[in-house]
């Protein structure tokens, strides 16, 4: 199972458990202990995944660039692009302003006159090259 999916499932379990405990009107102390137990189980689970060879990898420049450019294939507002690329505000702005300066993304106006952004021709070229490189790097052929 993909580690990202596992993390999502664990977060969902914690949020459901919290909701159930609050709904049952248990004391905050009991809720805190139950959450601590869930977190300990989660960290043990992650440790067991690591012992099996699974790693939590950070995305590099190429993967982040692909995510941002793919999310601008149709015109989108800035926040939507940030959410689809799964980046925090500071990191997103660093990449986004750089892509605007380099001409990979262009600003347009939607029907309401608000700013939207879409991938440019130069950005489409970069996206194709990065996807091909990613495909070659992940293939088992020599």
N, C-alpha and C. Protein backbone atom coordinates (compact mmCIF):
# COMPACT_ATOMS: atom_id res chain seq x y z
N UNK A 1 0.85 -1.17 0.00
CA UNK A 1 0.00 0.00 0.00
C UNK A 1 0.90 1.24 0.00
N UNK A 2 0.48 2.25 -0.71
CA UNK A 2 1.25 3.49 -0.78
C UNK A 2 1.24 4.17 0.58
N UNK A 3 2.40 4.70 0.98
CA UNK A 3 2.54 5.29 2.32
C UNK A 3 1.63 6.50 2.47
N UNK A 4 1.46 7.29 1.41
CA UNK A 4 0.58 8.46 1.48
C UNK A 4 -0.85 8.07 1.79
N UNK A 5 -1.31 6.99 1.18
CA UNK A 5 -2.65 6.50 1.44
C UNK A 5 -2.75 6.03 2.88
N UNK A 6 -1.70 5.37 3.36
CA UNK A 6 -1.69 4.90 4.74
C UNK A 6 -1.78 6.06 5.71
N UNK A 7 -1.03 7.12 5.44
CA UNK A 7 -1.08 8.29 6.32
C UNK A 7 -2.48 8.90 6.31
N UNK A 8 -3.11 8.96 5.14
CA UNK A 8 -4.46 9.50 5.04
C UNK A 8 -5.43 8.67 5.86
N UNK A 9 -5.31 7.35 5.77
CA UNK A 9 -6.20 6.46 6.52
C UNK A 9 -6.01 6.66 8.02
N UNK A 10 -4.75 6.78 8.46
CA UNK A 10 -4.49 6.98 9.89
C UNK A 10 -5.06 8.30 10.37
N UNK A 11 -4.92 9.35 9.57
CA UNK A 11 -5.49 10.65 9.95
C UNK A 11 -7.01 10.56 10.03
N UNK A 12 -7.62 9.84 9.10
CA UNK A 12 -9.07 9.68 9.12
C UNK A 12 -9.52 8.93 10.36
N UNK A 13 -8.76 7.91 10.75
CA UNK A 13 -9.10 7.15 11.95
C UNK A 13 -9.03 8.05 13.18
N UNK A 14 -7.98 8.87 13.27
CA UNK A 14 -7.85 9.77 14.41
C UNK A 14 -8.99 10.76 14.44
N UNK A 15 -9.36 11.34 13.28
CA UNK A 15 -10.44 12.32 13.29
C UNK A 15 -11.78 11.67 13.61
N UNK A 16 -12.02 10.45 13.11
CA UNK A 16 -13.26 9.76 13.45
C UNK A 16 -13.29 9.41 14.92
N UNK A 17 -12.16 8.96 15.45
CA UNK A 17 -12.11 8.60 16.87
C UNK A 17 -12.37 9.81 17.73
N UNK A 18 -11.79 10.93 17.35
CA UNK A 18 -12.01 12.16 18.11
C UNK A 18 -13.49 12.54 18.10
N UNK A 19 -14.10 12.45 16.92
CA UNK A 19 -15.52 12.79 16.81
C UNK A 19 -16.39 11.87 17.64
N UNK A 20 -16.09 10.58 17.62
CA UNK A 20 -16.87 9.62 18.40
C UNK A 20 -16.71 9.86 19.89
N UNK A 21 -15.47 10.12 20.32
CA UNK A 21 -15.25 10.34 21.74
C UNK A 21 -15.93 11.61 22.23
N UNK A 22 -15.89 12.64 21.42
CA UNK A 22 -16.57 13.89 21.82
C UNK A 22 -18.07 13.67 21.83
N UNK A 23 -18.57 12.91 20.85
CA UNK A 23 -20.01 12.64 20.80
C UNK A 23 -20.46 11.85 22.02
N UNK A 24 -19.58 11.00 22.52
CA UNK A 24 -19.92 10.22 23.71
C UNK A 24 -19.74 11.03 24.99
N UNK A 25 -19.33 12.24 24.86
CA UNK A 25 -19.11 13.19 25.96
C UNK A 25 -18.20 12.62 27.05
N UNK A 26 -17.11 12.03 26.63
CA UNK A 26 -16.12 11.57 27.59
C UNK A 26 -15.26 12.75 28.02
N UNK A 27 -14.56 12.59 29.08
CA UNK A 27 -13.74 13.67 29.57
C UNK A 27 -12.57 13.92 28.62
N UNK A 28 -12.02 15.10 28.69
CA UNK A 28 -10.89 15.47 27.84
C UNK A 28 -9.67 14.61 28.14
N UNK A 29 -9.52 14.21 29.36
CA UNK A 29 -8.38 13.37 29.74
C UNK A 29 -8.46 12.03 29.02
N UNK A 30 -9.64 11.45 28.98
CA UNK A 30 -9.83 10.17 28.31
C UNK A 30 -9.57 10.34 26.81
N UNK A 31 -10.07 11.41 26.25
CA UNK A 31 -9.86 11.67 24.82
C UNK A 31 -8.37 11.80 24.55
N UNK A 32 -7.66 12.53 25.40
CA UNK A 32 -6.22 12.72 25.19
C UNK A 32 -5.48 11.38 25.24
N UNK A 33 -5.81 10.52 26.19
CA UNK A 33 -5.16 9.22 26.30
C UNK A 33 -5.44 8.34 25.09
N UNK A 34 -6.67 8.35 24.62
CA UNK A 34 -7.02 7.55 23.44
C UNK A 34 -6.24 8.06 22.23
N UNK A 35 -6.15 9.36 22.05
CA UNK A 35 -5.40 9.92 20.94
C UNK A 35 -3.91 9.60 21.04
N UNK A 36 -3.37 9.64 22.25
CA UNK A 36 -1.96 9.27 22.44
C UNK A 36 -1.73 7.81 22.04
N UNK A 37 -2.64 6.94 22.41
CA UNK A 37 -2.52 5.52 22.05
C UNK A 37 -2.59 5.37 20.53
N UNK A 38 -3.51 6.08 19.89
CA UNK A 38 -3.60 6.02 18.43
C UNK A 38 -2.33 6.51 17.76
N UNK A 39 -1.76 7.58 18.28
CA UNK A 39 -0.52 8.11 17.70
C UNK A 39 0.64 7.14 17.89
N UNK A 40 0.72 6.50 19.05
CA UNK A 40 1.77 5.50 19.28
C UNK A 40 1.62 4.36 18.29
N UNK A 41 0.39 3.90 18.07
CA UNK A 41 0.15 2.83 17.10
C UNK A 41 0.54 3.28 15.70
N UNK A 42 0.21 4.51 15.37
CA UNK A 42 0.56 5.05 14.05
C UNK A 42 2.07 5.07 13.85
N UNK A 43 2.81 5.57 14.83
CA UNK A 43 4.26 5.65 14.69
C UNK A 43 4.90 4.26 14.64
N UNK A 44 4.36 3.32 15.38
CA UNK A 44 4.86 1.95 15.30
C UNK A 44 4.59 1.36 13.91
N UNK A 45 3.42 1.69 13.36
CA UNK A 45 3.08 1.22 12.02
C UNK A 45 4.04 1.79 10.99
N UNK A 46 4.33 3.09 11.07
CA UNK A 46 5.28 3.72 10.15
C UNK A 46 6.66 3.10 10.31
N UNK A 47 7.07 2.83 11.54
CA UNK A 47 8.37 2.19 11.77
C UNK A 47 8.42 0.81 11.15
N UNK A 48 7.32 0.07 11.24
CA UNK A 48 7.29 -1.26 10.61
C UNK A 48 7.35 -1.15 9.10
N UNK A 49 6.72 -0.13 8.53
CA UNK A 49 6.82 0.08 7.08
C UNK A 49 8.26 0.37 6.68
N UNK A 50 8.92 1.20 7.46
CA UNK A 50 10.32 1.53 7.16
C UNK A 50 11.20 0.29 7.25
N UNK A 51 10.93 -0.58 8.20
CA UNK A 51 11.74 -1.80 8.32
C UNK A 51 11.51 -2.74 7.14
N UNK A 52 10.37 -2.62 6.47
CA UNK A 52 10.08 -3.43 5.29
C UNK A 52 10.63 -2.80 4.01
N UNK A 53 11.22 -1.61 4.14
CA UNK A 53 11.81 -0.97 2.97
C UNK A 53 11.03 0.20 2.42
N UNK A 54 9.87 0.48 2.97
CA UNK A 54 9.11 1.64 2.53
C UNK A 54 9.72 2.90 3.13
N UNK A 55 9.76 3.95 2.35
CA UNK A 55 10.29 5.21 2.85
C UNK A 55 9.32 6.34 2.55
N UNK A 56 9.33 7.33 3.40
CA UNK A 56 8.57 8.54 3.14
C UNK A 56 9.50 9.50 2.40
N UNK A 57 9.26 9.64 1.12
CA UNK A 57 10.17 10.44 0.30
C UNK A 57 9.62 11.83 0.08
N UNK A 58 10.51 12.78 0.08
CA UNK A 58 10.12 14.14 -0.26
C UNK A 58 10.13 14.28 -1.77
N UNK A 59 9.22 15.09 -2.26
CA UNK A 59 9.18 15.33 -3.70
C UNK A 59 10.29 16.29 -4.08
N UNK A 60 10.89 16.06 -5.19
CA UNK A 60 11.92 16.95 -5.70
C UNK A 60 11.33 18.02 -6.59
N UNK A 61 12.22 18.83 -7.18
CA UNK A 61 11.80 19.92 -8.05
C UNK A 61 10.95 19.40 -9.20
N UNK A 62 11.36 18.30 -9.79
CA UNK A 62 10.65 17.77 -10.95
C UNK A 62 9.23 17.35 -10.63
N UNK A 63 9.06 16.63 -9.54
CA UNK A 63 7.72 16.16 -9.16
C UNK A 63 6.80 17.33 -8.79
N UNK A 64 7.34 18.31 -8.08
CA UNK A 64 6.53 19.48 -7.71
C UNK A 64 6.16 20.27 -8.96
N UNK A 65 7.11 20.41 -9.87
CA UNK A 65 6.85 21.14 -11.11
C UNK A 65 5.77 20.45 -11.93
N UNK A 66 5.85 19.13 -12.02
CA UNK A 66 4.82 18.38 -12.75
C UNK A 66 3.45 18.60 -12.10
N UNK A 67 3.38 18.54 -10.78
CA UNK A 67 2.09 18.73 -10.09
C UNK A 67 1.51 20.11 -10.34
N UNK A 68 2.35 21.14 -10.29
CA UNK A 68 1.87 22.51 -10.51
C UNK A 68 1.42 22.68 -11.96
N UNK A 69 2.24 22.23 -12.90
CA UNK A 69 1.90 22.42 -14.31
C UNK A 69 0.68 21.60 -14.72
N UNK A 70 0.53 20.40 -14.17
CA UNK A 70 -0.66 19.60 -14.47
C UNK A 70 -1.92 20.26 -13.94
N UNK A 71 -1.81 20.91 -12.81
CA UNK A 71 -3.00 21.55 -12.24
C UNK A 71 -3.39 22.82 -12.98
N UNK A 72 -2.52 23.31 -13.86
CA UNK A 72 -2.85 24.51 -14.65
C UNK A 72 -3.20 24.17 -16.09
N UNK A 73 -3.43 22.89 -16.40
CA UNK A 73 -3.83 22.53 -17.77
C UNK A 73 -5.15 23.18 -18.14
N UNK A 74 -6.02 23.34 -17.15
CA UNK A 74 -7.22 24.15 -17.33
C UNK A 74 -7.05 25.39 -16.46
N UNK A 75 -7.59 26.54 -16.87
CA UNK A 75 -7.41 27.75 -16.06
C UNK A 75 -7.93 27.58 -14.64
N UNK A 76 -7.08 27.94 -13.67
CA UNK A 76 -7.41 27.77 -12.25
C UNK A 76 -6.99 29.01 -11.47
N UNK A 77 -7.66 29.21 -10.34
CA UNK A 77 -7.24 30.26 -9.42
C UNK A 77 -6.02 29.76 -8.64
N UNK A 78 -5.30 30.70 -8.07
CA UNK A 78 -4.03 30.38 -7.42
C UNK A 78 -4.20 29.38 -6.27
N UNK A 79 -5.22 29.56 -5.44
CA UNK A 79 -5.42 28.66 -4.30
C UNK A 79 -5.72 27.23 -4.76
N UNK A 80 -6.50 27.08 -5.82
CA UNK A 80 -6.83 25.76 -6.33
C UNK A 80 -5.57 25.04 -6.82
N UNK A 81 -4.69 25.80 -7.48
CA UNK A 81 -3.43 25.23 -7.95
C UNK A 81 -2.59 24.76 -6.76
N UNK A 82 -2.55 25.59 -5.72
CA UNK A 82 -1.77 25.26 -4.52
C UNK A 82 -2.30 23.98 -3.87
N UNK A 83 -3.62 23.86 -3.75
CA UNK A 83 -4.21 22.66 -3.15
C UNK A 83 -3.96 21.42 -3.99
N UNK A 84 -4.12 21.54 -5.30
CA UNK A 84 -3.92 20.39 -6.18
C UNK A 84 -2.46 19.94 -6.19
N UNK A 85 -1.53 20.89 -6.04
CA UNK A 85 -0.11 20.54 -6.01
C UNK A 85 0.32 20.05 -4.63
N UNK A 86 -0.56 20.18 -3.64
CA UNK A 86 -0.30 19.74 -2.27
C UNK A 86 0.96 20.39 -1.70
N UNK A 87 0.98 21.73 -1.74
CA UNK A 87 2.10 22.49 -1.22
C UNK A 87 1.61 23.49 -0.20
N UNK A 88 2.48 23.84 0.75
CA UNK A 88 2.13 24.91 1.67
C UNK A 88 2.29 26.26 0.98
N UNK A 89 1.80 27.31 1.60
CA UNK A 89 1.74 28.62 0.97
C UNK A 89 3.12 29.16 0.61
N UNK A 90 4.07 29.06 1.51
CA UNK A 90 5.41 29.61 1.26
C UNK A 90 6.11 28.89 0.12
N UNK A 91 6.09 27.57 0.15
CA UNK A 91 6.76 26.80 -0.91
C UNK A 91 6.07 27.02 -2.25
N UNK A 92 4.74 27.05 -2.23
CA UNK A 92 3.99 27.25 -3.47
C UNK A 92 4.34 28.60 -4.10
N UNK A 93 4.36 29.66 -3.29
CA UNK A 93 4.65 30.98 -3.84
C UNK A 93 6.04 31.06 -4.44
N UNK A 94 7.00 30.36 -3.83
CA UNK A 94 8.35 30.34 -4.37
C UNK A 94 8.36 29.74 -5.78
N UNK A 95 7.74 28.59 -5.92
CA UNK A 95 7.67 27.94 -7.23
C UNK A 95 6.83 28.75 -8.21
N UNK A 96 5.67 29.19 -7.75
CA UNK A 96 4.70 29.85 -8.64
C UNK A 96 5.25 31.14 -9.22
N UNK A 97 5.87 31.97 -8.39
CA UNK A 97 6.42 33.23 -8.90
C UNK A 97 7.55 32.96 -9.88
N UNK A 98 8.33 31.92 -9.60
CA UNK A 98 9.41 31.54 -10.52
C UNK A 98 8.84 31.09 -11.86
N UNK A 99 7.76 30.32 -11.85
CA UNK A 99 7.15 29.84 -13.09
C UNK A 99 6.53 30.98 -13.88
N UNK A 100 5.96 31.95 -13.18
CA UNK A 100 5.41 33.12 -13.87
C UNK A 100 6.52 33.92 -14.56
N UNK A 101 7.62 34.13 -13.84
CA UNK A 101 8.75 34.89 -14.41
C UNK A 101 9.35 34.19 -15.62
N UNK A 102 9.45 32.86 -15.55
CA UNK A 102 10.06 32.10 -16.64
C UNK A 102 9.10 31.82 -17.79
N UNK A 103 7.83 32.14 -17.59
CA UNK A 103 6.86 31.98 -18.67
C UNK A 103 6.27 30.59 -18.80
N UNK A 104 6.35 29.78 -17.76
CA UNK A 104 5.75 28.45 -17.81
C UNK A 104 4.25 28.51 -17.53
N UNK A 105 3.84 29.54 -16.82
CA UNK A 105 2.42 29.76 -16.49
C UNK A 105 2.09 31.18 -16.90
N UNK A 106 0.88 31.39 -17.43
CA UNK A 106 0.46 32.73 -17.81
C UNK A 106 -0.82 33.11 -17.06
N UNK A 107 -0.94 34.40 -16.77
CA UNK A 107 -2.10 34.91 -16.06
C UNK A 107 -3.17 35.32 -17.07
N UNK A 108 -4.41 34.96 -16.78
CA UNK A 108 -5.55 35.36 -17.60
C UNK A 108 -6.65 35.84 -16.66
N UNK A 109 -7.72 36.39 -17.21
CA UNK A 109 -8.86 36.81 -16.40
C UNK A 109 -10.03 35.89 -16.68
N UNK A 110 -10.76 35.51 -15.62
CA UNK A 110 -11.95 34.71 -15.84
C UNK A 110 -13.13 35.62 -16.17
N UNK A 111 -14.32 35.08 -16.23
CA UNK A 111 -15.50 35.86 -16.61
C UNK A 111 -15.82 36.95 -15.59
N UNK A 112 -15.42 36.76 -14.34
CA UNK A 112 -15.67 37.75 -13.29
C UNK A 112 -14.59 38.82 -13.24
N UNK A 113 -13.57 38.69 -14.07
CA UNK A 113 -12.47 39.63 -14.06
C UNK A 113 -11.40 39.31 -13.03
N UNK A 114 -11.49 38.13 -12.41
CA UNK A 114 -10.49 37.72 -11.42
C UNK A 114 -9.35 36.98 -12.10
N UNK A 115 -8.19 37.00 -11.45
CA UNK A 115 -7.00 36.38 -12.03
C UNK A 115 -7.10 34.86 -11.98
N UNK A 116 -6.82 34.25 -13.10
CA UNK A 116 -6.69 32.80 -13.22
C UNK A 116 -5.36 32.53 -13.91
N UNK A 117 -4.91 31.31 -13.80
CA UNK A 117 -3.61 30.97 -14.37
C UNK A 117 -3.74 29.67 -15.15
N UNK A 118 -3.02 29.61 -16.27
CA UNK A 118 -2.99 28.39 -17.07
C UNK A 118 -1.58 28.18 -17.59
N UNK A 119 -1.34 26.97 -17.99
CA UNK A 119 -0.02 26.61 -18.49
C UNK A 119 0.20 27.27 -19.86
N UNK A 120 1.41 27.73 -20.11
CA UNK A 120 1.75 28.32 -21.40
C UNK A 120 2.30 27.24 -22.32
N UNK A 121 2.57 27.62 -23.56
CA UNK A 121 3.15 26.66 -24.51
C UNK A 121 4.51 26.18 -24.01
N UNK A 122 5.29 27.11 -23.47
CA UNK A 122 6.60 26.76 -22.92
C UNK A 122 6.45 25.80 -21.73
N UNK A 123 5.44 26.04 -20.90
CA UNK A 123 5.18 25.16 -19.77
C UNK A 123 4.74 23.78 -20.21
N UNK A 124 3.94 23.70 -21.29
CA UNK A 124 3.52 22.40 -21.81
C UNK A 124 4.72 21.61 -22.29
N UNK A 125 5.66 22.28 -22.94
CA UNK A 125 6.88 21.63 -23.40
C UNK A 125 7.67 21.08 -22.21
N UNK A 126 7.81 21.89 -21.17
CA UNK A 126 8.52 21.45 -19.96
C UNK A 126 7.81 20.26 -19.33
N UNK A 127 6.50 20.30 -19.27
CA UNK A 127 5.72 19.22 -18.67
C UNK A 127 5.95 17.90 -19.41
N UNK A 128 5.94 17.95 -20.74
CA UNK A 128 6.17 16.74 -21.53
C UNK A 128 7.57 16.18 -21.27
N UNK A 129 8.57 17.07 -21.23
CA UNK A 129 9.95 16.63 -21.00
C UNK A 129 10.10 16.02 -19.61
N UNK A 130 9.53 16.66 -18.60
CA UNK A 130 9.64 16.15 -17.23
C UNK A 130 8.93 14.81 -17.06
N UNK A 131 7.76 14.66 -17.68
CA UNK A 131 7.04 13.39 -17.59
C UNK A 131 7.83 12.28 -18.27
N UNK A 132 8.45 12.60 -19.41
CA UNK A 132 9.27 11.61 -20.10
C UNK A 132 10.48 11.22 -19.25
N UNK A 133 11.11 12.21 -18.63
CA UNK A 133 12.26 11.93 -17.76
C UNK A 133 11.84 11.09 -16.56
N UNK A 134 10.71 11.40 -15.99
CA UNK A 134 10.21 10.63 -14.86
C UNK A 134 9.90 9.19 -15.27
N UNK A 135 9.33 9.03 -16.46
CA UNK A 135 9.03 7.70 -16.98
C UNK A 135 10.31 6.90 -17.21
N UNK A 136 11.33 7.55 -17.78
CA UNK A 136 12.60 6.87 -18.03
C UNK A 136 13.29 6.50 -16.72
N UNK A 137 13.22 7.37 -15.73
CA UNK A 137 13.88 7.11 -14.45
C UNK A 137 13.20 5.97 -13.69
N UNK A 138 11.91 5.81 -13.87
CA UNK A 138 11.19 4.78 -13.13
C UNK A 138 11.14 3.44 -13.87
N UNK A 139 11.55 3.42 -15.13
CA UNK A 139 11.51 2.16 -15.88
C UNK A 139 12.66 1.26 -15.46
N UNK A 140 12.46 -0.05 -15.64
CA UNK A 140 13.46 -1.03 -15.25
C UNK A 140 14.45 -1.35 -16.38
N UNK A 141 14.19 -0.80 -17.55
CA UNK A 141 15.05 -1.08 -18.69
C UNK A 141 16.35 -0.29 -18.59
N UNK A 142 17.40 -0.86 -19.17
CA UNK A 142 18.69 -0.17 -19.22
C UNK A 142 18.94 0.39 -20.58
